[in-house]
Amino acid sequence: MRSRTPAPSSPASICVAAALLCWGCGRPATEKECDEIVVRIAALEFKARGRTGDSADEIRETREALRKTTLRDCVGRRISDAAMACVRTANSAEQIVKECF
């Protein structure tokens, strides 16, 4: 029986990043972009904890668990291409929150 692995211990980081999107300039964020932000933050959180074995499954579970929140707090908020480029190249979830938004 596979033990259920909890989502990253800082879903607050994900919520903060999503909330910060509202202050960015640019265009309305799409569902795809918001999903990309959630996946990137989750992947970086797991990597920071040295978790690589089942991380794809864990990231998928995290994305599904946060789907409602992401849709409500992120989709349609303002985002720039520069912010998305920053998300894609960030080395940590903290960097995404502090530097990208």
PDB file of N, CA and C in Angstrom:
ATOM      1  N   MET A   1       0.832  -1.162   0.000  1.00  0.00           N
ATOM      2  CA  MET A   1       0.000   0.000   0.000  1.00  0.00           C
ATOM      3  C   MET A   1       0.885   1.236   0.000  1.00  0.00           C
ATOM      4  N   ARG A   2       0.648   2.081  -0.952  1.00  0.00           N
ATOM      5  CA  ARG A   2       1.448   3.289  -1.074  1.00  0.00           C
ATOM      6  C   ARG A   2       0.947   4.342  -0.097  1.00  0.00           C
ATOM      7  N   SER A   3       1.880   4.889   0.677  1.00  0.00           N
ATOM      8  CA  SER A   3       1.460   5.929   1.611  1.00  0.00           C
ATOM      9  C   SER A   3       1.221   7.218   0.848  1.00  0.00           C
ATOM     10  N   ARG A   4       0.184   7.881   1.228  1.00  0.00           N
ATOM     11  CA  ARG A   4      -0.144   9.145   0.565  1.00  0.00           C
ATOM     12  C   ARG A   4       0.832  10.214   1.034  1.00  0.00           C
ATOM     13  N   THR A   5       1.471  10.847   0.085  1.00  0.00           N
ATOM     14  CA  THR A   5       2.437  11.878   0.393  1.00  0.00           C
ATOM     15  C   THR A   5       1.735  13.217   0.407  1.00  0.00           C
ATOM     16  N   PRO A   6       1.919  14.004   1.442  1.00  0.00           N
ATOM     17  CA  PRO A   6       1.254  15.297   1.508  1.00  0.00           C
ATOM     18  C   PRO A   6       1.800  16.261   0.459  1.00  0.00           C
ATOM     19  N   ALA A   7       1.010  17.235   0.150  1.00  0.00           N
ATOM     20  CA  ALA A   7       1.423  18.283  -0.768  1.00  0.00           C
ATOM     21  C   ALA A   7       2.593  19.024  -0.138  1.00  0.00           C
ATOM     22  N   PRO A   8       3.288  19.845  -0.928  1.00  0.00           N
ATOM     23  CA  PRO A   8       4.405  20.581  -0.349  1.00  0.00           C
ATOM     24  C   PRO A   8       3.962  21.324   0.904  1.00  0.00           C
ATOM     25  N   SER A   9       4.872  21.446   1.846  1.00  0.00           N
ATOM     26  CA  SER A   9       4.487  22.042   3.117  1.00  0.00           C
ATOM     27  C   SER A   9       4.234  23.537   3.023  1.00  0.00           C
ATOM     28  N   SER A  10       4.444  24.117   1.866  1.00  0.00           N
ATOM     29  CA  SER A  10       4.165  25.542   1.767  1.00  0.00           C
ATOM     30  C   SER A  10       3.201  25.839   0.630  1.00  0.00           C
ATOM     31  N   PRO A  11       1.986  25.289   0.705  1.00  0.00           N
ATOM     32  CA  PRO A  11       0.997  25.674  -0.301  1.00  0.00           C
ATOM     33  C   PRO A  11       0.717  27.160  -0.205  1.00  0.00           C
ATOM     34  N   ALA A  12       1.107  27.749   0.918  1.00  0.00           N
ATOM     35  CA  ALA A  12       0.967  29.197   1.059  1.00  0.00           C
ATOM     36  C   ALA A  12       1.796  29.897  -0.009  1.00  0.00           C
ATOM     37  N   SER A  13       2.955  29.332  -0.355  1.00  0.00           N
ATOM     38  CA  SER A  13       3.783  29.915  -1.412  1.00  0.00           C
ATOM     39  C   SER A  13       3.023  29.962  -2.719  1.00  0.00           C
ATOM     40  N   ILE A  14       2.301  28.895  -2.998  1.00  0.00           N
ATOM     41  CA  ILE A  14       1.527  28.826  -4.229  1.00  0.00           C
ATOM     42  C   ILE A  14       0.416  29.864  -4.203  1.00  0.00           C
ATOM     43  N   CYS A  15      -0.272  29.964  -3.085  1.00  0.00           N
ATOM     44  CA  CYS A  15      -1.359  30.935  -2.959  1.00  0.00           C
ATOM     45  C   CYS A  15      -0.828  32.357  -3.037  1.00  0.00           C
ATOM     46  N   VAL A  16       0.319  32.603  -2.405  1.00  0.00           N
ATOM     47  CA  VAL A  16       0.899  33.935  -2.446  1.00  0.00           C
ATOM     48  C   VAL A  16       1.272  34.296  -3.877  1.00  0.00           C
ATOM     49  N   ALA A  17       1.892  33.364  -4.581  1.00  0.00           N
ATOM     50  CA  ALA A  17       2.275  33.627  -5.967  1.00  0.00           C
ATOM     51  C   ALA A  17       1.044  33.913  -6.814  1.00  0.00           C
ATOM     52  N   ALA A  18       0.005  33.136  -6.621  1.00  0.00           N
ATOM     53  CA  ALA A  18      -1.225  33.360  -7.380  1.00  0.00           C
ATOM     54  C   ALA A  18      -1.847  34.706  -7.036  1.00  0.00           C
ATOM     55  N   ALA A  19      -1.851  35.050  -5.768  1.00  0.00           N
ATOM     56  CA  ALA A  19      -2.437  36.322  -5.356  1.00  0.00           C
ATOM     57  C   ALA A  19      -1.634  37.498  -5.889  1.00  0.00           C
ATOM     58  N   LEU A  20      -0.317  37.336  -5.953  1.00  0.00           N
ATOM     59  CA  LEU A  20       0.528  38.420  -6.429  1.00  0.00           C
ATOM     60  C   LEU A  20       0.327  38.696  -7.915  1.00  0.00           C
ATOM     61  N   LEU A  21      -0.212  37.742  -8.619  1.00  0.00           N
ATOM     62  CA  LEU A  21      -0.470  37.955 -10.036  1.00  0.00           C
ATOM     63  C   LEU A  21      -1.372  39.156 -10.275  1.00  0.00           C
ATOM     64  N   CYS A  22      -2.251  39.421  -9.335  1.00  0.00           N
ATOM     65  CA  CYS A  22      -3.192  40.527  -9.517  1.00  0.00           C
ATOM     66  C   CYS A  22      -2.490  41.872  -9.601  1.00  0.00           C
ATOM     67  N   TRP A  23      -1.267  41.990  -9.091  1.00  0.00           N
ATOM     68  CA  TRP A  23      -0.556  43.263  -9.120  1.00  0.00           C
ATOM     69  C   TRP A  23       0.312  43.408 -10.353  1.00  0.00           C
ATOM     70  N   GLY A  24       0.514  42.341 -11.094  1.00  0.00           N
ATOM     71  CA  GLY A  24       1.374  42.408 -12.262  1.00  0.00           C
ATOM     72  C   GLY A  24       0.708  43.146 -13.407  1.00  0.00           C
ATOM     73  N   CYS A  25       1.519  43.688 -14.284  1.00  0.00           N
ATOM     74  CA  CYS A  25       0.960  44.295 -15.478  1.00  0.00           C
ATOM     75  C   CYS A  25       0.920  43.223 -16.557  1.00  0.00           C
ATOM     76  N   GLY A  26       0.382  43.529 -17.667  1.00  0.00           N
ATOM     77  CA  GLY A  26       0.368  42.564 -18.755  1.00  0.00           C
ATOM     78  C   GLY A  26      -1.036  42.216 -19.170  1.00  0.00           C
ATOM     79  N   ARG A  27      -1.302  40.949 -19.258  1.00  0.00           N
ATOM     80  CA  ARG A  27      -2.580  40.443 -19.757  1.00  0.00           C
ATOM     81  C   ARG A  27      -3.163  39.459 -18.759  1.00  0.00           C
ATOM     82  N   PRO A  28      -4.425  39.079 -18.943  1.00  0.00           N
ATOM     83  CA  PRO A  28      -5.030  38.095 -18.032  1.00  0.00           C
ATOM     84  C   PRO A  28      -4.323  36.732 -18.150  1.00  0.00           C
ATOM     85  N   ALA A  29      -4.029  36.141 -17.010  1.00  0.00           N
ATOM     86  CA  ALA A  29      -3.388  34.820 -16.983  1.00  0.00           C
ATOM     87  C   ALA A  29      -4.376  33.755 -17.439  1.00  0.00           C
ATOM     88  N   THR A  30      -3.875  32.810 -18.198  1.00  0.00           N
ATOM     89  CA  THR A  30      -4.700  31.695 -18.659  1.00  0.00           C
ATOM     90  C   THR A  30      -4.650  30.553 -17.660  1.00  0.00           C
ATOM     91  N   GLU A  31      -5.573  29.621 -17.797  1.00  0.00           N
ATOM     92  CA  GLU A  31      -5.574  28.434 -16.944  1.00  0.00           C
ATOM     93  C   GLU A  31      -4.272  27.658 -17.123  1.00  0.00           C
ATOM     94  N   LYS A  32      -3.791  27.585 -18.346  1.00  0.00           N
ATOM     95  CA  LYS A  32      -2.547  26.866 -18.636  1.00  0.00           C
ATOM     96  C   LYS A  32      -1.361  27.513 -17.918  1.00  0.00           C
ATOM     97  N   GLU A  33      -1.294  28.840 -17.933  1.00  0.00           N
ATOM     98  CA  GLU A  33      -0.202  29.541 -17.252  1.00  0.00           C
ATOM     99  C   GLU A  33      -0.275  29.339 -15.740  1.00  0.00           C
ATOM    100  N   CYS A  34      -1.466  29.420 -15.191  1.00  0.00           N
ATOM    101  CA  CYS A  34      -1.632  29.224 -13.752  1.00  0.00           C
ATOM    102  C   CYS A  34      -1.243  27.812 -13.346  1.00  0.00           C
ATOM    103  N   ASP A  35      -1.620  26.842 -14.166  1.00  0.00           N
ATOM    104  CA  ASP A  35      -1.244  25.461 -13.903  1.00  0.00           C
ATOM    105  C   ASP A  35       0.273  25.318 -13.960  1.00  0.00           C
ATOM    106  N   GLU A  36       0.891  25.980 -14.916  1.00  0.00           N
ATOM    107  CA  GLU A  36       2.350  25.930 -15.037  1.00  0.00           C
ATOM    108  C   GLU A  36       3.027  26.493 -13.788  1.00  0.00           C
ATOM    109  N   ILE A  37       2.492  27.578 -13.246  1.00  0.00           N
ATOM    110  CA  ILE A  37       3.046  28.175 -12.034  1.00  0.00           C
ATOM    111  C   ILE A  37       2.945  27.195 -10.869  1.00  0.00           C
ATOM    112  N   VAL A  38       1.777  26.582 -10.695  1.00  0.00           N
ATOM    113  CA  VAL A  38       1.578  25.615  -9.605  1.00  0.00           C
ATOM    114  C   VAL A  38       2.543  24.442  -9.746  1.00  0.00           C
ATOM    115  N   VAL A  39       2.644  23.887 -10.944  1.00  0.00           N
ATOM    116  CA  VAL A  39       3.519  22.737 -11.171  1.00  0.00           C
ATOM    117  C   VAL A  39       4.978  23.109 -10.913  1.00  0.00           C
ATOM    118  N   ARG A  40       5.388  24.279 -11.378  1.00  0.00           N
ATOM    119  CA  ARG A  40       6.779  24.704 -11.201  1.00  0.00           C
ATOM    120  C   ARG A  40       7.113  24.886  -9.721  1.00  0.00           C
ATOM    121  N   ILE A  41       6.231  25.546  -8.986  1.00  0.00           N
ATOM    122  CA  ILE A  41       6.472  25.743  -7.559  1.00  0.00           C
ATOM    123  C   ILE A  41       6.505  24.402  -6.833  1.00  0.00           C
ATOM    124  N   ALA A  42       5.565  23.518  -7.143  1.00  0.00           N
ATOM    125  CA  ALA A  42       5.544  22.198  -6.498  1.00  0.00           C
ATOM    126  C   ALA A  42       6.827  21.425  -6.805  1.00  0.00           C
ATOM    127  N   ALA A  43       7.258  21.445  -8.054  1.00  0.00           N
ATOM    128  CA  ALA A  43       8.476  20.723  -8.440  1.00  0.00           C
ATOM    129  C   ALA A  43       9.689  21.276  -7.701  1.00  0.00           C
ATOM    130  N   LEU A  44       9.774  22.596  -7.603  1.00  0.00           N
ATOM    131  CA  LEU A  44      10.903  23.199  -6.892  1.00  0.00           C
ATOM    132  C   LEU A  44      10.859  22.902  -5.399  1.00  0.00           C
ATOM    133  N   GLU A  45       9.662  22.868  -4.827  1.00  0.00           N
ATOM    134  CA  GLU A  45       9.518  22.524  -3.408  1.00  0.00           C
ATOM    135  C   GLU A  45       9.983  21.083  -3.154  1.00  0.00           C
ATOM    136  N   PHE A  46       9.558  20.155  -4.012  1.00  0.00           N
ATOM    137  CA  PHE A  46       9.972  18.764  -3.847  1.00  0.00           C
ATOM    138  C   PHE A  46      11.478  18.613  -4.041  1.00  0.00           C
ATOM    139  N   LYS A  47      12.022  19.310  -5.023  1.00  0.00           N
ATOM    140  CA  LYS A  47      13.458  19.249  -5.274  1.00  0.00           C
ATOM    141  C   LYS A  47      14.240  19.774  -4.075  1.00  0.00           C
ATOM    142  N   ALA A  48      13.762  20.856  -3.479  1.00  0.00           N
ATOM    143  CA  ALA A  48      14.430  21.442  -2.314  1.00  0.00           C
ATOM    144  C   ALA A  48      14.456  20.478  -1.136  1.00  0.00           C
ATOM    145  N   ARG A  49      13.476  19.600  -1.079  1.00  0.00           N
ATOM    146  CA  ARG A  49      13.405  18.613   0.005  1.00  0.00           C
ATOM    147  C   ARG A  49      14.113  17.309  -0.364  1.00  0.00           C
ATOM    148  N   GLY A  50      14.753  17.293  -1.527  1.00  0.00           N
ATOM    149  CA  GLY A  50      15.465  16.093  -1.954  1.00  0.00           C
ATOM    150  C   GLY A  50      14.545  14.966  -2.360  1.00  0.00           C
ATOM    151  N   ARG A  51      13.313  15.294  -2.730  1.00  0.00           N
ATOM    152  CA  ARG A  51      12.320  14.289  -3.103  1.00  0.00           C
ATOM    153  C   ARG A  51      12.253  14.212  -4.608  1.00  0.00           C
ATOM    154  N   THR A  52      12.713  13.108  -5.170  1.00  0.00           N
ATOM    155  CA  THR A  52      12.667  12.969  -6.625  1.00  0.00           C
ATOM    156  C   THR A  52      11.999  11.678  -7.069  1.00  0.00           C
ATOM    157  N   GLY A  53      11.882  10.696  -6.200  1.00  0.00           N
ATOM    158  CA  GLY A  53      11.348   9.386  -6.570  1.00  0.00           C
ATOM    159  C   GLY A  53       9.975   9.415  -7.215  1.00  0.00           C
ATOM    160  N   ASP A  54       8.957   9.810  -6.471  1.00  0.00           N
ATOM    161  CA  ASP A  54       7.589   9.836  -6.976  1.00  0.00           C
ATOM    162  C   ASP A  54       7.111  11.262  -7.219  1.00  0.00           C
ATOM    163  N   SER A  55       8.031  12.156  -7.490  1.00  0.00           N
ATOM    164  CA  SER A  55       7.649  13.558  -7.566  1.00  0.00           C
ATOM    165  C   SER A  55       6.625  13.840  -8.663  1.00  0.00           C
ATOM    166  N   ALA A  56       6.666  13.131  -9.787  1.00  0.00           N
ATOM    167  CA  ALA A  56       5.672  13.372 -10.852  1.00  0.00           C
ATOM    168  C   ALA A  56       4.269  13.100 -10.334  1.00  0.00           C
ATOM    169  N   ASP A  57       4.091  11.996  -9.611  1.00  0.00           N
ATOM    170  CA  ASP A  57       2.785  11.683  -9.022  1.00  0.00           C
ATOM    171  C   ASP A  57       2.405  12.709  -7.959  1.00  0.00           C
ATOM    172  N   GLU A  58       3.381  13.085  -7.151  1.00  0.00           N
ATOM    173  CA  GLU A  58       3.116  14.054  -6.092  1.00  0.00           C
ATOM    174  C   GLU A  58       2.747  15.418  -6.675  1.00  0.00           C
ATOM    175  N   ILE A  59       3.424  15.821  -7.728  1.00  0.00           N
ATOM    176  CA  ILE A  59       3.120  17.097  -8.368  1.00  0.00           C
ATOM    177  C   ILE A  59       1.722  17.059  -8.967  1.00  0.00           C
ATOM    178  N   ARG A  60       1.376  15.952  -9.592  1.00  0.00           N
ATOM    179  CA  ARG A  60       0.030  15.811 -10.169  1.00  0.00           C
ATOM    180  C   ARG A  60      -1.024  15.886  -9.067  1.00  0.00           C
ATOM    181  N   GLU A  61      -0.791  15.220  -7.949  1.00  0.00           N
ATOM    182  CA  GLU A  61      -1.726  15.261  -6.827  1.00  0.00           C
ATOM    183  C   GLU A  61      -1.851  16.682  -6.272  1.00  0.00           C
ATOM    184  N   THR A  62      -0.727  17.375  -6.171  1.00  0.00           N
ATOM    185  CA  THR A  62      -0.736  18.752  -5.679  1.00  0.00           C
ATOM    186  C   THR A  62      -1.527  19.644  -6.623  1.00  0.00           C
ATOM    187  N   ARG A  63      -1.285  19.494  -7.917  1.00  0.00           N
ATOM    188  CA  ARG A  63      -1.998  20.303  -8.909  1.00  0.00           C
ATOM    189  C   ARG A  63      -3.492  20.078  -8.813  1.00  0.00           C
ATOM    190  N   GLU A  64      -3.902  18.830  -8.695  1.00  0.00           N
ATOM    191  CA  GLU A  64      -5.332  18.533  -8.594  1.00  0.00           C
ATOM    192  C   GLU A  64      -5.927  19.081  -7.299  1.00  0.00           C
ATOM    193  N   ALA A  65      -5.172  18.990  -6.221  1.00  0.00           N
ATOM    194  CA  ALA A  65      -5.668  19.491  -4.938  1.00  0.00           C
ATOM    195  C   ALA A  65      -5.837  21.007  -4.956  1.00  0.00           C
ATOM    196  N   LEU A  66      -5.011  21.686  -5.723  1.00  0.00           N
ATOM    197  CA  LEU A  66      -5.048  23.147  -5.748  1.00  0.00           C
ATOM    198  C   LEU A  66      -5.799  23.710  -6.944  1.00  0.00           C
ATOM    199  N   ARG A  67      -6.391  22.846  -7.736  1.00  0.00           N
ATOM    200  CA  ARG A  67      -7.042  23.278  -8.978  1.00  0.00           C
ATOM    201  C   ARG A  67      -8.121  24.337  -8.731  1.00  0.00           C
ATOM    202  N   LYS A  68      -9.008  24.121  -7.780  1.00  0.00           N
ATOM    203  CA  LYS A  68     -10.072  25.095  -7.515  1.00  0.00           C
ATOM    204  C   LYS A  68      -9.497  26.442  -7.094  1.00  0.00           C
ATOM    205  N   THR A  69      -8.541  26.406  -6.183  1.00  0.00           N
ATOM    206  CA  THR A  69      -7.919  27.635  -5.715  1.00  0.00           C
ATOM    207  C   THR A  69      -7.217  28.349  -6.859  1.00  0.00           C
ATOM    208  N   THR A  70      -6.512  27.587  -7.677  1.00  0.00           N
ATOM    209  CA  THR A  70      -5.789  28.170  -8.799  1.00  0.00           C
ATOM    210  C   THR A  70      -6.747  28.852  -9.756  1.00  0.00           C
ATOM    211  N   LEU A  71      -7.821  28.181 -10.073  1.00  0.00           N
ATOM    212  CA  LEU A  71      -8.784  28.768 -10.999  1.00  0.00           C
ATOM    213  C   LEU A  71      -9.374  30.050 -10.432  1.00  0.00           C
ATOM    214  N   ARG A  72      -9.672  30.046  -9.154  1.00  0.00           N
ATOM    215  CA  ARG A  72     -10.299  31.205  -8.520  1.00  0.00           C
ATOM    216  C   ARG A  72      -9.307  32.354  -8.320  1.00  0.00           C
ATOM    217  N   ASP A  73      -8.098  32.062  -7.875  1.00  0.00           N
ATOM    218  CA  ASP A  73      -7.148  33.094  -7.481  1.00  0.00           C
ATOM    219  C   ASP A  73      -6.149  33.506  -8.555  1.00  0.00           C
ATOM    220  N   CYS A  74      -6.074  32.779  -9.631  1.00  0.00           N
ATOM    221  CA  CYS A  74      -5.029  33.051 -10.613  1.00  0.00           C
ATOM    222  C   CYS A  74      -5.579  33.372 -11.993  1.00  0.00           C
ATOM    223  N   VAL A  75      -6.410  32.507 -12.525  1.00  0.00           N
ATOM    224  CA  VAL A  75      -6.897  32.679 -13.894  1.00  0.00           C
ATOM    225  C   VAL A  75      -7.592  34.029 -14.039  1.00  0.00           C
ATOM    226  N   GLY A  76      -7.174  34.779 -15.040  1.00  0.00           N
ATOM    227  CA  GLY A  76      -7.758  36.083 -15.303  1.00  0.00           C
ATOM    228  C   GLY A  76      -7.037  37.237 -14.640  1.00  0.00           C
ATOM    229  N   ARG A  77      -6.165  36.934 -13.676  1.00  0.00           N
ATOM    230  CA  ARG A  77      -5.383  37.992 -13.025  1.00  0.00           C
ATOM    231  C   ARG A  77      -4.307  38.469 -14.005  1.00  0.00           C
ATOM    232  N   ARG A  78      -3.786  39.641 -13.786  1.00  0.00           N
ATOM    233  CA  ARG A  78      -2.793  40.214 -14.687  1.00  0.00           C
ATOM    234  C   ARG A  78      -1.453  39.505 -14.526  1.00  0.00           C
ATOM    235  N   ILE A  79      -0.818  39.204 -15.671  1.00  0.00           N
ATOM    236  CA  ILE A  79       0.504  38.581 -15.677  1.00  0.00           C
ATOM    237  C   ILE A  79       1.252  39.063 -16.904  1.00  0.00           C
ATOM    238  N   SER A  80       2.547  39.140 -16.799  1.00  0.00           N
ATOM    239  CA  SER A  80       3.363  39.573 -17.929  1.00  0.00           C
ATOM    240  C   SER A  80       4.182  38.399 -18.452  1.00  0.00           C
ATOM    241  N   ASP A  81       4.656  38.555 -19.669  1.00  0.00           N
ATOM    242  CA  ASP A  81       5.533  37.533 -20.242  1.00  0.00           C
ATOM    243  C   ASP A  81       6.824  37.425 -19.439  1.00  0.00           C
ATOM    244  N   ALA A  82       7.293  38.558 -18.917  1.00  0.00           N
ATOM    245  CA  ALA A  82       8.511  38.556 -18.098  1.00  0.00           C
ATOM    246  C   ALA A  82       8.314  37.742 -16.817  1.00  0.00           C
ATOM    247  N   ALA A  83       7.134  37.854 -16.207  1.00  0.00           N
ATOM    248  CA  ALA A  83       6.853  37.084 -14.992  1.00  0.00           C
ATOM    249  C   ALA A  83       6.850  35.587 -15.293  1.00  0.00           C
ATOM    250  N   MET A  84       6.256  35.201 -16.409  1.00  0.00           N
ATOM    251  CA  MET A  84       6.234  33.773 -16.767  1.00  0.00           C
ATOM    252  C   MET A  84       7.643  33.273 -17.093  1.00  0.00           C
ATOM    253  N   ALA A  85       8.449  34.094 -17.753  1.00  0.00           N
ATOM    254  CA  ALA A  85       9.833  33.704 -18.041  1.00  0.00           C
ATOM    255  C   ALA A  85      10.601  33.514 -16.741  1.00  0.00           C
ATOM    256  N   CYS A  86      10.355  34.381 -15.789  1.00  0.00           N
ATOM    257  CA  CYS A  86      10.990  34.271 -14.472  1.00  0.00           C
ATOM    258  C   CYS A  86      10.593  32.964 -13.787  1.00  0.00           C
ATOM    259  N   VAL A  87       9.305  32.625 -13.828  1.00  0.00           N
ATOM    260  CA  VAL A  87       8.817  31.367 -13.236  1.00  0.00           C
ATOM    261  C   VAL A  87       9.546  30.179 -13.854  1.00  0.00           C
ATOM    262  N   ARG A  88       9.694  30.216 -15.166  1.00  0.00           N
ATOM    263  CA  ARG A  88      10.299  29.082 -15.888  1.00  0.00           C
ATOM    264  C   ARG A  88      11.785  28.898 -15.577  1.00  0.00           C
ATOM    265  N   THR A  89      12.460  29.956 -15.180  1.00  0.00           N
ATOM    266  CA  THR A  89      13.901  29.850 -14.932  1.00  0.00           C
ATOM    267  C   THR A  89      14.278  29.924 -13.458  1.00  0.00           C
ATOM    268  N   ALA A  90      13.318  30.126 -12.590  1.00  0.00           N
ATOM    269  CA  ALA A  90      13.595  30.235 -11.154  1.00  0.00           C
ATOM    270  C   ALA A  90      14.229  28.955 -10.613  1.00  0.00           C
ATOM    271  N   ASN A  91      15.076  29.129  -9.622  1.00  0.00           N
ATOM    272  CA  ASN A  91      15.740  27.995  -8.992  1.00  0.00           C
ATOM    273  C   ASN A  91      15.096  27.561  -7.692  1.00  0.00           C
ATOM    274  N   SER A  92      14.115  28.331  -7.216  1.00  0.00           N
ATOM    275  CA  SER A  92      13.423  27.977  -5.971  1.00  0.00           C
ATOM    276  C   SER A  92      12.026  28.573  -5.983  1.00  0.00           C
ATOM    277  N   ALA A  93      11.159  27.983  -5.187  1.00  0.00           N
ATOM    278  CA  ALA A  93       9.803  28.512  -5.044  1.00  0.00           C
ATOM    279  C   ALA A  93       9.858  29.902  -4.420  1.00  0.00           C
ATOM    280  N   GLU A  94      10.763  30.096  -3.496  1.00  0.00           N
ATOM    281  CA  GLU A  94      10.919  31.401  -2.855  1.00  0.00           C
ATOM    282  C   GLU A  94      11.301  32.467  -3.887  1.00  0.00           C
ATOM    283  N   GLN A  95      12.160  32.105  -4.814  1.00  0.00           N
ATOM    284  CA  GLN A  95      12.556  33.036  -5.865  1.00  0.00           C
ATOM    285  C   GLN A  95      11.348  33.435  -6.715  1.00  0.00           C
ATOM    286  N   ILE A  96      10.476  32.491  -7.005  1.00  0.00           N
ATOM    287  CA  ILE A  96       9.269  32.796  -7.770  1.00  0.00           C
ATOM    288  C   ILE A  96       8.433  33.836  -7.036  1.00  0.00           C
ATOM    289  N   VAL A  97       8.214  33.600  -5.765  1.00  0.00           N
ATOM    290  CA  VAL A  97       7.372  34.505  -4.976  1.00  0.00           C
ATOM    291  C   VAL A  97       8.021  35.880  -4.836  1.00  0.00           C
ATOM    292  N   LYS A  98       9.316  35.926  -4.560  1.00  0.00           N
ATOM    293  CA  LYS A  98       9.988  37.199  -4.277  1.00  0.00           C
ATOM    294  C   LYS A  98      10.379  37.974  -5.526  1.00  0.00           C
ATOM    295  N   GLU A  99      10.764  37.277  -6.595  1.00  0.00           N
ATOM    296  CA  GLU A  99      11.324  37.977  -7.749  1.00  0.00           C
ATOM    297  C   GLU A  99      10.419  38.012  -8.978  1.00  0.00           C
ATOM    298  N   CYS A 100       9.587  37.017  -9.144  1.00  0.00           N
ATOM    299  CA  CYS A 100       8.797  36.936 -10.376  1.00  0.00           C
ATOM    300  C   CYS A 100       7.519  37.763 -10.323  1.00  0.00           C
ATOM    301  N   PHE A 101       6.990  37.950  -9.124  1.00  0.00           N
ATOM    302  CA  PHE A 101       5.723  38.663  -9.030  1.00  0.00           C
ATOM    303  C   PHE A 101       5.891  39.880  -8.209  1.00  0.00           C
TER     304      PHE A 101
END
